[in-house]
N, C-alpha and C. Protein backbone atom coordinates (compact mmCIF):
# COMPACT_ATOMS: atom_id res chain seq x y z
N UNK A 1 -13.91 -0.85 2.31
CA UNK A 1 -14.58 0.43 2.00
C UNK A 1 -14.57 0.64 0.44
N UNK A 2 -15.53 1.39 -0.03
CA UNK A 2 -15.71 1.63 -1.40
C UNK A 2 -14.66 2.64 -1.86
N UNK A 3 -14.47 2.73 -3.17
CA UNK A 3 -13.61 3.72 -3.74
C UNK A 3 -14.03 5.16 -3.42
N UNK A 4 -15.38 5.32 -3.40
CA UNK A 4 -15.94 6.69 -3.06
C UNK A 4 -15.62 7.08 -1.60
N UNK A 5 -15.83 6.10 -0.68
CA UNK A 5 -15.52 6.37 0.67
C UNK A 5 -14.06 6.63 0.93
N UNK A 6 -13.19 5.89 0.22
CA UNK A 6 -11.78 6.12 0.34
C UNK A 6 -11.42 7.46 -0.26
N UNK A 7 -11.98 7.91 -1.37
CA UNK A 7 -11.73 9.17 -1.92
C UNK A 7 -12.15 10.36 -0.99
N UNK A 8 -13.32 10.13 -0.31
CA UNK A 8 -13.76 11.12 0.69
C UNK A 8 -12.81 11.29 1.84
N UNK A 9 -12.35 10.12 2.35
CA UNK A 9 -11.29 10.19 3.42
C UNK A 9 -10.03 10.91 3.01
N UNK A 10 -9.62 10.59 1.75
CA UNK A 10 -8.38 11.18 1.26
C UNK A 10 -8.62 12.71 1.11
N UNK A 11 -9.71 13.13 0.51
CA UNK A 11 -10.01 14.54 0.36
C UNK A 11 -10.04 15.29 1.64
N UNK A 12 -10.51 14.64 2.73
CA UNK A 12 -10.60 15.25 4.06
C UNK A 12 -9.34 15.19 4.86
N UNK A 13 -8.30 14.58 4.19
CA UNK A 13 -6.96 14.55 4.92
C UNK A 13 -6.93 13.42 6.01
N UNK A 14 -7.85 12.43 5.93
CA UNK A 14 -7.92 11.38 6.94
C UNK A 14 -7.21 10.08 6.66
N UNK A 15 -6.42 10.10 5.57
CA UNK A 15 -5.62 8.98 5.23
C UNK A 15 -4.14 9.32 5.23
N UNK A 16 -3.24 8.30 5.44
CA UNK A 16 -1.84 8.60 5.39
C UNK A 16 -1.39 9.13 4.02
N UNK A 17 -0.34 9.87 4.00
CA UNK A 17 0.24 10.36 2.77
C UNK A 17 1.61 9.78 2.61
N UNK A 18 2.05 9.62 1.37
CA UNK A 18 3.38 9.04 1.06
C UNK A 18 4.11 9.99 0.22
N UNK A 19 5.43 10.10 0.49
CA UNK A 19 6.35 10.84 -0.33
C UNK A 19 7.47 9.88 -0.63
N UNK A 20 8.06 9.85 -1.78
CA UNK A 20 9.05 8.97 -2.28
C UNK A 20 10.36 9.61 -2.54
N UNK A 21 11.50 9.04 -2.04
CA UNK A 21 12.79 9.64 -2.33
C UNK A 21 13.24 9.24 -3.71
N UNK A 22 14.48 9.66 -4.10
CA UNK A 22 14.99 9.30 -5.37
C UNK A 22 15.10 7.83 -5.76
N UNK A 23 15.22 7.06 -4.71
CA UNK A 23 15.24 5.50 -4.92
C UNK A 23 13.87 4.92 -4.84
N UNK A 24 12.83 5.67 -4.64
CA UNK A 24 11.47 5.17 -4.53
C UNK A 24 11.07 4.69 -3.20
N UNK A 25 11.88 4.98 -2.13
CA UNK A 25 11.58 4.51 -0.73
C UNK A 25 10.61 5.54 -0.20
N UNK A 26 9.49 5.06 0.31
CA UNK A 26 8.50 6.01 0.88
C UNK A 26 8.74 6.44 2.24
N UNK A 27 8.21 7.70 2.56
CA UNK A 27 8.06 8.24 3.86
C UNK A 27 6.62 8.39 4.06
N UNK A 28 6.08 7.85 5.13
CA UNK A 28 4.64 7.92 5.34
C UNK A 28 4.30 8.84 6.44
N UNK A 29 3.32 9.67 6.33
CA UNK A 29 2.82 10.61 7.37
C UNK A 29 1.38 10.15 7.73
N UNK A 30 1.25 9.81 9.00
CA UNK A 30 -0.06 9.30 9.47
C UNK A 30 -0.83 10.40 10.08
N UNK A 31 -2.13 10.63 9.68
CA UNK A 31 -2.86 11.70 10.25
C UNK A 31 -3.15 11.53 11.75
N UNK A 32 -3.59 12.58 12.46
CA UNK A 32 -3.88 12.49 13.88
C UNK A 32 -5.23 11.91 14.26
N UNK A 33 -6.09 11.63 13.24
CA UNK A 33 -7.39 11.08 13.49
C UNK A 33 -7.28 9.57 13.65
N UNK A 34 -8.37 8.96 14.11
CA UNK A 34 -8.45 7.49 14.22
C UNK A 34 -8.40 6.83 12.84
N UNK A 35 -7.94 5.60 12.79
CA UNK A 35 -7.94 4.88 11.55
C UNK A 35 -9.38 4.57 11.03
N UNK A 36 -9.58 4.44 9.77
CA UNK A 36 -10.90 4.04 9.27
C UNK A 36 -11.36 2.70 9.85
N UNK A 37 -12.69 2.50 9.95
CA UNK A 37 -13.19 1.29 10.64
C UNK A 37 -12.99 0.09 9.73
N UNK A 38 -12.92 0.28 8.39
CA UNK A 38 -12.82 -0.85 7.47
C UNK A 38 -11.50 -0.76 6.67
N UNK A 39 -11.33 -1.88 5.90
CA UNK A 39 -10.12 -1.90 5.04
C UNK A 39 -10.26 -0.90 3.92
N UNK A 40 -9.25 -0.08 3.83
CA UNK A 40 -9.21 0.96 2.74
C UNK A 40 -8.06 0.75 1.84
N UNK A 41 -8.22 0.64 0.59
CA UNK A 41 -7.16 0.56 -0.45
C UNK A 41 -7.01 1.83 -1.14
N UNK A 42 -5.78 2.35 -1.13
CA UNK A 42 -5.53 3.66 -1.84
C UNK A 42 -4.38 3.52 -2.81
N UNK A 43 -4.68 3.76 -4.05
CA UNK A 43 -3.54 3.63 -5.04
C UNK A 43 -2.65 4.83 -4.94
N UNK A 44 -1.32 4.60 -4.76
CA UNK A 44 -0.39 5.71 -4.61
C UNK A 44 0.21 6.02 -6.04
N UNK A 45 0.53 4.96 -6.77
CA UNK A 45 1.02 5.13 -8.08
C UNK A 45 0.38 4.10 -8.99
N UNK A 46 -0.42 4.47 -9.95
CA UNK A 46 -1.03 3.50 -10.78
C UNK A 46 -0.08 2.90 -11.78
N UNK A 47 -0.02 1.55 -11.82
CA UNK A 47 0.83 0.88 -12.72
C UNK A 47 0.41 0.93 -14.13
N UNK A 48 1.33 0.56 -15.14
CA UNK A 48 1.05 0.69 -16.47
C UNK A 48 1.12 -0.69 -17.18
N UNK A 49 1.45 -1.71 -16.32
CA UNK A 49 1.54 -3.08 -16.93
C UNK A 49 0.26 -3.71 -16.99
N UNK A 50 0.33 -5.08 -17.40
CA UNK A 50 -0.87 -5.97 -17.47
C UNK A 50 -1.48 -6.14 -16.13
N UNK A 51 -2.71 -6.39 -16.09
CA UNK A 51 -3.47 -6.71 -14.82
C UNK A 51 -3.02 -8.06 -14.34
N UNK A 52 -2.72 -8.27 -13.07
CA UNK A 52 -2.32 -9.49 -12.49
C UNK A 52 -3.50 -10.52 -12.53
N UNK A 53 -3.05 -11.72 -12.76
CA UNK A 53 -4.01 -12.88 -12.59
C UNK A 53 -3.60 -13.60 -11.38
N UNK A 54 -4.57 -14.37 -10.84
CA UNK A 54 -4.31 -15.13 -9.56
C UNK A 54 -3.14 -16.10 -9.73
N UNK A 55 -2.82 -16.51 -10.95
CA UNK A 55 -1.69 -17.52 -11.14
C UNK A 55 -0.49 -16.86 -11.49
N UNK A 56 -0.39 -15.50 -11.54
CA UNK A 56 0.92 -14.79 -11.84
C UNK A 56 1.75 -14.71 -10.62
N UNK A 57 3.12 -14.74 -10.89
CA UNK A 57 4.10 -14.50 -9.88
C UNK A 57 4.56 -13.02 -9.93
N UNK A 58 4.87 -12.48 -8.85
CA UNK A 58 5.33 -11.08 -8.79
C UNK A 58 6.61 -10.96 -7.99
N UNK A 59 7.36 -9.87 -8.23
CA UNK A 59 8.49 -9.48 -7.43
C UNK A 59 8.14 -8.08 -6.90
N UNK A 60 8.34 -7.92 -5.67
CA UNK A 60 7.86 -6.62 -5.04
C UNK A 60 8.72 -6.18 -3.87
N UNK A 61 8.95 -4.93 -3.72
CA UNK A 61 9.43 -4.36 -2.42
C UNK A 61 8.21 -3.83 -1.78
N UNK A 62 8.05 -4.00 -0.45
CA UNK A 62 6.88 -3.52 0.21
C UNK A 62 7.32 -3.07 1.61
N UNK A 63 6.39 -2.36 2.23
CA UNK A 63 6.62 -1.92 3.62
C UNK A 63 5.19 -1.61 4.25
N UNK A 64 5.16 -1.45 5.54
CA UNK A 64 3.94 -1.10 6.21
C UNK A 64 4.20 -0.34 7.50
N UNK A 65 3.20 0.35 7.98
CA UNK A 65 3.33 1.19 9.23
C UNK A 65 2.18 0.97 10.07
N UNK A 66 2.35 1.12 11.40
CA UNK A 66 1.18 1.17 12.33
C UNK A 66 0.57 2.54 12.32
N UNK A 67 -0.78 2.52 12.43
CA UNK A 67 -1.46 3.87 12.51
C UNK A 67 -1.24 4.56 13.82
N UNK A 68 -1.20 3.81 14.91
CA UNK A 68 -1.14 4.40 16.30
C UNK A 68 0.03 5.21 16.48
N UNK A 69 1.25 4.81 15.95
CA UNK A 69 2.52 5.53 16.32
C UNK A 69 3.39 5.77 15.06
N UNK A 70 2.90 5.40 13.92
CA UNK A 70 3.65 5.64 12.68
C UNK A 70 4.90 4.77 12.61
N UNK A 71 5.06 3.70 13.34
CA UNK A 71 6.20 2.92 13.36
C UNK A 71 6.23 1.91 12.11
N UNK A 72 7.40 1.87 11.49
CA UNK A 72 7.47 0.92 10.38
C UNK A 72 7.43 -0.50 10.82
N UNK A 73 6.69 -1.33 10.18
CA UNK A 73 6.51 -2.72 10.44
C UNK A 73 7.57 -3.54 9.71
N UNK A 74 7.95 -3.10 8.57
CA UNK A 74 8.83 -3.87 7.72
C UNK A 74 9.97 -2.93 7.21
N UNK A 75 10.97 -3.57 6.75
CA UNK A 75 12.10 -2.85 6.19
C UNK A 75 12.46 -3.33 4.77
N UNK A 76 11.52 -4.11 4.16
CA UNK A 76 11.88 -4.70 2.90
C UNK A 76 12.04 -3.74 1.70
N UNK A 77 11.61 -2.44 1.92
CA UNK A 77 11.90 -1.49 0.94
C UNK A 77 13.35 -1.14 0.76
N UNK A 78 14.09 -1.34 1.76
CA UNK A 78 15.58 -1.06 1.76
C UNK A 78 16.38 -2.32 1.66
N UNK A 79 15.72 -3.46 1.58
CA UNK A 79 16.42 -4.75 1.36
C UNK A 79 17.03 -4.78 0.00
N UNK A 80 18.05 -5.64 -0.14
CA UNK A 80 18.69 -5.76 -1.42
C UNK A 80 17.88 -6.53 -2.40
N UNK A 81 17.01 -7.51 -1.96
CA UNK A 81 16.24 -8.26 -2.85
C UNK A 81 14.72 -8.12 -2.59
N UNK A 82 13.95 -8.11 -3.64
CA UNK A 82 12.45 -8.03 -3.46
C UNK A 82 11.86 -9.35 -2.99
N UNK A 83 10.63 -9.33 -2.56
CA UNK A 83 9.85 -10.46 -2.17
C UNK A 83 9.39 -11.08 -3.50
N UNK A 84 9.49 -12.41 -3.69
CA UNK A 84 8.92 -13.14 -4.79
C UNK A 84 7.79 -14.04 -4.33
N UNK A 85 6.63 -13.91 -4.93
CA UNK A 85 5.55 -14.72 -4.44
C UNK A 85 4.42 -14.78 -5.57
N UNK A 86 3.57 -15.75 -5.36
CA UNK A 86 2.38 -15.80 -6.24
C UNK A 86 1.44 -14.70 -5.85
N UNK A 87 0.83 -14.04 -6.79
CA UNK A 87 -0.08 -12.87 -6.47
C UNK A 87 -1.26 -13.39 -5.64
N UNK A 88 -1.69 -14.61 -5.81
CA UNK A 88 -2.78 -15.13 -5.00
C UNK A 88 -2.49 -15.24 -3.46
N UNK A 89 -1.23 -15.39 -3.19
CA UNK A 89 -0.84 -15.42 -1.83
C UNK A 89 -0.75 -14.04 -1.15
N UNK A 90 -0.49 -12.98 -1.95
CA UNK A 90 -0.39 -11.70 -1.46
C UNK A 90 -1.73 -10.94 -1.51
N UNK A 91 -2.56 -11.35 -2.39
CA UNK A 91 -3.87 -10.72 -2.59
C UNK A 91 -4.98 -11.75 -2.46
N UNK A 92 -5.27 -12.30 -1.24
CA UNK A 92 -6.18 -13.37 -1.13
C UNK A 92 -7.59 -13.05 -1.56
N UNK A 93 -7.98 -11.79 -1.60
CA UNK A 93 -9.32 -11.39 -2.00
C UNK A 93 -9.38 -11.16 -3.55
N UNK A 94 -8.26 -11.30 -4.17
CA UNK A 94 -8.14 -11.09 -5.65
C UNK A 94 -7.40 -9.85 -5.94
N UNK A 95 -6.49 -9.82 -6.91
CA UNK A 95 -5.82 -8.64 -7.34
C UNK A 95 -6.77 -7.56 -7.82
N UNK A 96 -6.47 -6.30 -7.60
CA UNK A 96 -7.22 -5.21 -8.02
C UNK A 96 -6.77 -4.60 -9.33
N UNK A 97 -5.65 -5.09 -9.81
CA UNK A 97 -5.13 -4.58 -11.11
C UNK A 97 -4.13 -3.51 -11.09
């Protein structure tokens, strides 16, 4: 989906919202509507570092939820160690910056 389509969904309250605790661990609230038909990318916190290149390596804590029931798919946000990977493996369509 385009940035404009994503912004319209967000404005209409049709995208999940995230709140972060003092340690940066998110709580996600899934809206009651159906999920968007296409892939939607929503920036929660804009980074201030350099833009990733496909050859860069990253360290990241991440998590995900199902839309249908709000169930957490991963628990890596609370893991002691972050995921280490090449950005090209995590962002196969290319990093967005």
